[in-house]
Amino acid sequence: MHVAIIATDKPGHLQTRLDNRDAHLAYGRDSGKLIMAGPFLNEAGEMCGSLLIIEVETMQEAYDFADNDPYAKAGLFENVRIEQWKKVIG
């Protein structure tokens, strides 16, 4: 199943994101679960959140994936939504 992880950064935590970016990218790349991903941008063009689409067998795998993301471990996110997602176009 496909799952969307939609995360919003805590205000003022851009440096936390930058400090953990390489580890976050490696985690997604090496997971074997990541379909597509990218940051949300604020009005100034700065990264302020994340959208990840992953493929997993169970929702528990999605929760575990999100919990073990280096960004999550660094306390970057103000909130995280994890939703089952169905690709229709693209």
Protein backbone atom coordinates (compact mmCIF):
# COMPACT_ATOMS: atom_id res chain seq x y z
CA MET A 1 0.00 0.00 0.00
CA HIS A 2 1.07 3.60 -0.53
CA VAL A 3 1.17 5.92 2.46
CA ALA A 4 1.63 9.69 2.59
CA ILE A 5 3.62 11.19 5.44
CA ILE A 6 2.84 14.90 5.73
CA ALA A 7 4.95 16.77 8.26
CA THR A 8 5.09 20.42 9.31
CA ASP A 9 8.27 21.81 10.85
CA LYS A 10 8.27 23.62 14.16
CA PRO A 11 8.57 27.38 13.57
CA GLY A 12 12.15 28.61 13.65
CA HIS A 13 13.68 25.15 13.13
CA LEU A 14 15.20 25.55 9.66
CA GLN A 15 18.68 24.97 11.08
CA THR A 16 17.54 21.67 12.62
CA ARG A 17 16.36 20.63 9.16
CA LEU A 18 19.63 21.67 7.54
CA ASP A 19 21.73 19.95 10.20
CA ASN A 20 19.91 16.63 9.66
CA ARG A 21 19.22 16.82 5.93
CA ASP A 22 22.00 14.47 4.76
CA ALA A 23 20.94 11.79 7.26
CA HIS A 24 17.26 12.23 6.30
CA LEU A 25 18.03 11.86 2.59
CA ALA A 26 20.20 8.78 3.17
CA TYR A 27 17.49 7.23 5.37
CA GLY A 28 14.87 7.60 2.65
CA ARG A 29 17.19 6.48 -0.13
CA ASP A 30 18.40 3.41 1.76
CA SER A 31 14.99 2.37 3.13
CA GLY A 32 13.71 0.65 0.00
CA LYS A 33 10.27 2.10 0.85
CA LEU A 34 10.42 5.63 -0.54
CA ILE A 35 8.49 6.30 -3.76
CA MET A 36 8.82 10.11 -3.86
CA ALA A 37 9.50 12.93 -1.45
CA GLY A 38 10.20 16.62 -1.15
CA PRO A 39 9.97 19.61 1.15
CA PHE A 40 7.17 22.11 1.48
CA LEU A 41 8.30 25.72 1.08
CA ASN A 42 7.15 28.84 2.90
CA GLU A 43 6.57 32.28 1.34
CA ALA A 44 10.33 33.02 1.55
CA GLY A 45 11.14 29.83 -0.36
CA GLU A 46 12.58 28.13 2.75
CA MET A 47 11.90 24.48 3.57
CA CYS A 48 9.20 24.20 6.23
CA GLY A 49 7.82 20.67 6.06
CA SER A 50 7.95 17.36 4.22
CA LEU A 51 5.83 15.16 2.00
CA LEU A 52 6.92 11.54 1.61
CA ILE A 53 5.11 8.80 -0.29
CA ILE A 54 6.22 5.34 0.84
CA GLU A 55 5.23 1.81 -0.03
CA VAL A 56 4.68 -0.54 2.91
CA GLU A 57 2.75 -3.69 3.79
CA THR A 58 1.14 -2.33 6.98
CA MET A 59 0.34 0.99 8.57
CA GLN A 60 2.61 0.01 11.47
CA GLU A 61 5.53 -0.02 9.00
CA ALA A 62 4.59 3.53 8.00
CA TYR A 63 4.47 4.69 11.63
CA ASP A 64 7.84 3.04 12.29
CA PHE A 65 9.33 4.62 9.16
CA ALA A 66 8.13 8.07 10.25
CA ASP A 67 9.35 7.61 13.83
CA ASN A 68 12.83 6.57 12.70
CA ASP A 69 13.33 9.42 10.23
CA PRO A 70 16.33 11.49 11.37
CA TYR A 71 14.19 14.63 11.15
CA ALA A 72 11.68 13.14 13.60
CA LYS A 73 14.45 11.97 15.93
CA ALA A 74 15.89 15.51 15.91
CA GLY A 75 12.53 16.95 17.01
CA LEU A 76 12.00 18.93 13.80
CA PHE A 77 8.29 18.37 13.33
CA GLU A 78 5.43 20.27 14.94
CA ASN A 79 2.94 17.73 13.58
CA VAL A 80 2.88 14.64 11.37
CA ARG A 81 -0.04 13.08 9.48
CA ILE A 82 0.23 9.53 8.18
CA GLU A 83 -2.49 8.60 5.69
CA GLN A 84 -3.07 5.68 3.35
CA TRP A 85 -2.91 7.10 -0.18
CA LYS A 86 -4.12 5.85 -3.56
CA LYS A 87 -2.35 6.92 -6.74
CA VAL A 88 -4.84 7.78 -9.48
CA ILE A 89 -2.96 10.05 -11.92
CA GLY A 90 0.75 10.24 -12.71
